Amino acid sequence: MSPVKQSNENAAATLISKLKKRNIDAFFCQTSREATEKALSLMPSGSSISWGGSMTIKECGLMDAIQSGDYTLIDRMTATTPQEKREIFAKTVMADYYLMSTNAITMDGELVNIDGFANRVSCLCAGPENVIIVAGMNKVVKDIQSGLDRIRTKAAPPNTVRLGKNTPCAKNGVCGDCFSPDCICSQIVVTRRSGIPGRIKVILVNEDLGF
């Protein structure tokens, strides 16, 4: 095992203990394949599943796995009208499982996220019975401020490019602290603990995943 991989594994062990103190279940997997298998083991056949926008859950293979599995999928991208979006979101908050990543996670176990319309962070905070977060070790930061800095410099710029947004960071790669109509940074949410023990489950992966 490379020194970087071993260091990540050591850090993950520390982080998992911090998360457990915050009522958050946590697991460590060496590879995306193991992480996908772990996530699937947590979701019984027939479960209803929805998800937030996440490159991580696509890159690790979890999206392909649930789409070929025996689940009821609630996909907000199938909505064609504002009313349909509202109706699908109502189903999403009642889902058995909600899949997402986190923009950053501190070494003390806090989840740091910035969202555009709050559909993702609102489901993290309340609604779905279970939330499964898959995060590469590249998302781990020292503290909350480091997490916010990471989001604004490493996550938001490529995400706006991916989504075709017209924002300063999409044009020049640098956060402009903007109020653009296309801004994807409307809400900042720090999750310091889970009010319901075990509702949030974090799967740490010893790979670089997502933005």
Protein backbone atom coordinates (compact mmCIF):
# COMPACT_ATOMS: atom_id res chain seq x y z
CA MET A 1 0.00 0.00 0.00
CA SER A 2 1.32 3.45 -0.90
CA PRO A 3 2.12 5.94 1.86
CA VAL A 4 -0.77 8.14 0.72
CA LYS A 5 -3.24 5.24 0.86
CA GLN A 6 -1.96 4.19 4.28
CA SER A 7 -2.19 7.76 5.56
CA ASN A 8 -5.77 7.98 4.26
CA GLU A 9 -6.63 4.74 6.04
CA ASN A 10 -5.19 6.08 9.29
CA ALA A 11 -7.11 9.33 8.92
CA ALA A 12 -10.31 7.44 8.14
CA ALA A 13 -10.04 5.45 11.37
CA THR A 14 -9.80 8.70 13.33
CA LEU A 15 -12.64 10.25 11.37
CA ILE A 16 -14.95 7.27 11.85
CA SER A 17 -14.58 7.53 15.61
CA LYS A 18 -15.44 11.24 15.43
CA LEU A 19 -18.51 10.56 13.29
CA LYS A 20 -19.81 7.92 15.67
CA LYS A 21 -19.72 10.46 18.50
CA ARG A 22 -22.00 12.58 16.33
CA ASN A 23 -24.57 9.75 15.88
CA ILE A 24 -23.35 9.14 12.32
CA ASP A 25 -22.54 5.58 11.24
CA ALA A 26 -19.36 5.38 9.18
CA PHE A 27 -17.49 2.80 7.12
CA PHE A 28 -14.20 2.72 5.21
CA CYS A 29 -13.68 1.05 1.85
CA GLN A 30 -10.47 0.82 -0.15
CA THR A 31 -12.15 0.96 -3.58
CA SER A 32 -15.23 2.27 -5.35
CA ARG A 33 -16.38 -1.28 -5.96
CA GLU A 34 -16.24 -2.05 -2.24
CA ALA A 35 -18.06 1.20 -1.48
CA THR A 36 -20.85 0.36 -3.93
CA GLU A 37 -21.21 -3.13 -2.46
CA LYS A 38 -21.36 -1.62 1.04
CA ALA A 39 -24.06 0.85 0.04
CA LEU A 40 -26.12 -1.88 -1.60
CA SER A 41 -25.81 -4.04 1.53
CA LEU A 42 -27.46 -1.26 3.52
CA MET A 43 -30.50 -1.00 1.20
CA PRO A 44 -32.90 -3.99 1.13
CA SER A 45 -34.55 -5.01 -2.12
CA GLY A 46 -37.75 -3.09 -2.76
CA SER A 47 -36.51 0.07 -0.99
CA SER A 48 -37.41 3.45 -2.41
CA ILE A 49 -34.32 5.44 -3.31
CA SER A 50 -33.67 9.00 -4.42
CA TRP A 51 -30.47 11.00 -4.73
CA GLY A 52 -28.93 14.42 -5.00
CA GLY A 53 -26.68 15.64 -7.78
CA SER A 54 -23.34 13.91 -7.23
CA MET A 55 -20.42 13.01 -9.45
CA THR A 56 -19.17 10.72 -6.70
CA ILE A 57 -22.10 8.32 -6.72
CA LYS A 58 -21.84 8.15 -10.52
CA GLU A 59 -18.07 7.66 -10.59
CA CYS A 60 -18.06 4.91 -7.96
CA GLY A 61 -20.69 2.89 -9.88
CA LEU A 62 -23.50 3.22 -7.35
CA MET A 63 -25.91 4.89 -9.77
CA ASP A 64 -25.52 2.09 -12.32
CA ALA A 65 -26.00 -0.47 -9.56
CA ILE A 66 -29.28 0.91 -8.24
CA GLN A 67 -30.64 1.43 -11.74
CA SER A 68 -30.17 -2.26 -12.45
CA GLY A 69 -31.35 -3.36 -9.01
CA ASP A 70 -34.70 -4.21 -7.45
CA TYR A 71 -35.56 -0.76 -6.13
CA THR A 72 -38.19 1.93 -6.55
CA LEU A 73 -36.27 4.91 -7.92
CA ILE A 74 -37.42 8.49 -7.42
CA ASP A 75 -35.66 10.57 -10.07
CA ARG A 76 -36.20 14.33 -9.98
CA MET A 77 -34.73 14.65 -13.47
CA THR A 78 -37.85 13.04 -14.93
CA ALA A 79 -39.90 16.12 -14.02
CA THR A 80 -40.87 18.34 -16.95
CA THR A 81 -42.87 21.04 -15.15
CA PRO A 82 -42.50 22.96 -11.88
CA GLN A 83 -45.53 21.11 -10.49
CA GLU A 84 -43.99 17.74 -11.33
CA LYS A 85 -40.78 18.83 -9.58
CA ARG A 86 -42.78 19.62 -6.45
CA GLU A 87 -44.57 16.28 -6.59
CA ILE A 88 -41.33 14.34 -7.05
CA PHE A 89 -39.66 16.24 -4.22
CA ALA A 90 -42.60 15.31 -1.98
CA LYS A 91 -41.91 11.66 -2.78
CA THR A 92 -38.19 12.17 -2.28
CA VAL A 93 -38.54 13.35 1.31
CA MET A 94 -40.50 10.16 2.05
CA ALA A 95 -37.88 7.87 0.45
CA ASP A 96 -36.37 4.98 2.38
CA TYR A 97 -32.88 6.00 1.27
CA TYR A 98 -31.34 9.19 -0.06
CA LEU A 99 -27.93 8.99 -1.76
CA MET A 100 -25.46 11.86 -1.97
CA SER A 101 -21.90 12.88 -1.38
CA THR A 102 -20.69 15.74 0.77
CA ASN A 103 -18.77 18.76 -0.46
CA ALA A 104 -16.36 18.43 2.45
CA ILE A 105 -15.99 16.59 5.74
CA THR A 106 -13.83 17.85 8.58
CA MET A 107 -11.45 15.67 10.54
CA ASP A 108 -13.70 16.34 13.53
CA GLY A 109 -16.66 14.74 11.72
CA GLU A 110 -18.66 17.74 10.51
CA LEU A 111 -20.29 17.62 7.07
CA VAL A 112 -19.95 20.85 5.09
CA ASN A 113 -22.21 21.48 2.11
CA ILE A 114 -23.20 24.37 -0.13
CA ASP A 115 -26.31 24.04 -2.30
CA GLY A 116 -28.09 25.99 -4.98
CA PHE A 117 -31.77 25.12 -4.43
CA ALA A 118 -31.44 23.19 -1.13
CA ASN A 119 -33.05 19.99 -2.44
CA ARG A 120 -29.89 18.07 -1.47
CA VAL A 121 -29.14 19.68 1.89
CA SER A 122 -32.79 19.70 2.92
CA CYS A 123 -32.94 15.91 2.49
CA LEU A 124 -29.72 15.59 4.43
CA CYS A 125 -31.27 17.53 7.29
CA ALA A 126 -34.69 15.85 7.38
CA GLY A 127 -37.13 13.72 5.41
CA PRO A 128 -35.75 10.47 3.97
CA GLU A 129 -35.52 7.71 6.55
CA ASN A 130 -31.85 7.06 5.76
CA VAL A 131 -29.13 9.14 4.12
CA ILE A 132 -26.11 7.37 2.63
CA ILE A 133 -23.12 9.60 1.86
CA VAL A 134 -20.27 8.31 -0.28
CA ALA A 135 -17.14 10.43 -0.08
CA GLY A 136 -13.63 10.02 -1.40
CA MET A 137 -10.83 10.87 1.00
CA ASN A 138 -10.12 13.92 -1.18
CA LYS A 139 -13.15 15.51 0.52
CA VAL A 140 -11.55 15.42 3.98
CA VAL A 141 -10.41 18.80 5.34
CA LYS A 142 -9.03 20.23 8.57
CA ASP A 143 -12.00 22.32 9.70
CA ILE A 144 -15.19 24.08 8.60
CA GLN A 145 -13.41 27.08 7.08
CA SER A 146 -11.14 24.76 5.13
CA GLY A 147 -14.27 22.98 3.94
CA LEU A 148 -15.85 26.20 2.70
CA ASP A 149 -12.61 27.15 0.98
CA ARG A 150 -12.44 23.73 -0.66
CA ILE A 151 -15.99 24.05 -1.98
CA ARG A 152 -15.41 27.49 -3.43
CA THR A 153 -12.08 26.64 -5.04
CA LYS A 154 -12.27 22.91 -5.86
CA ALA A 155 -15.96 21.96 -6.10
CA ALA A 156 -18.11 24.86 -7.29
CA PRO A 157 -16.05 25.93 -10.35
CA PRO A 158 -16.04 22.52 -12.10
CA ASN A 159 -19.65 21.92 -11.08
CA THR A 160 -20.78 25.15 -12.74
CA VAL A 161 -18.87 24.15 -15.87
CA ARG A 162 -20.49 20.69 -15.78
CA LEU A 163 -23.94 22.21 -15.40
CA GLY A 164 -23.40 24.90 -18.04
CA LYS A 165 -23.90 27.76 -15.59
CA ASN A 166 -23.12 31.38 -16.36
CA THR A 167 -21.21 32.35 -13.24
CA PRO A 168 -17.83 34.01 -12.59
CA CYS A 169 -16.33 30.71 -11.36
CA ALA A 170 -17.49 28.92 -14.52
CA LYS A 171 -15.69 31.52 -16.64
CA ASN A 172 -12.44 32.01 -14.74
CA GLY A 173 -12.29 29.15 -12.21
CA VAL A 174 -12.32 31.50 -9.22
CA CYS A 175 -15.23 32.10 -6.82
CA GLY A 176 -16.66 35.59 -7.28
CA ASP A 177 -18.96 35.42 -4.23
CA CYS A 178 -21.63 36.20 -6.80
CA PHE A 179 -25.37 36.77 -6.85
CA SER A 180 -25.70 35.48 -10.39
CA PRO A 181 -29.07 33.96 -11.38
CA ASP A 182 -27.09 30.77 -12.06
CA CYS A 183 -25.33 30.76 -8.67
CA ILE A 184 -25.16 27.28 -7.11
CA CYS A 185 -24.08 28.61 -3.71
CA SER A 186 -27.31 29.71 -2.03
CA GLN A 187 -27.31 27.72 1.21
CA ILE A 188 -24.44 26.76 3.50
CA VAL A 189 -25.19 23.83 5.81
CA VAL A 190 -22.89 22.36 8.45
CA THR A 191 -24.12 19.08 9.90
CA ARG A 192 -22.50 18.69 13.33
CA ARG A 193 -24.51 15.62 14.40
CA SER A 194 -27.45 13.43 13.41
CA GLY A 195 -30.50 14.04 15.57
CA ILE A 196 -31.60 10.47 14.82
CA PRO A 197 -28.79 8.02 15.67
CA GLY A 198 -27.63 6.14 12.59
CA ARG A 199 -29.89 7.94 10.13
CA ILE A 200 -26.85 9.34 8.31
CA LYS A 201 -24.33 6.79 7.08
CA VAL A 202 -20.98 7.84 5.63
CA ILE A 203 -18.94 5.54 3.39
CA LEU A 204 -15.38 6.82 3.08
CA VAL A 205 -13.46 5.61 0.03
CA ASN A 206 -9.69 5.50 -0.33
CA GLU A 207 -9.86 7.15 -3.74
CA ASP A 208 -10.30 10.63 -5.18
CA LEU A 209 -13.96 10.88 -6.18
CA GLY A 210 -16.09 13.79 -7.36
CA PHE A 211 -15.30 17.47 -7.04
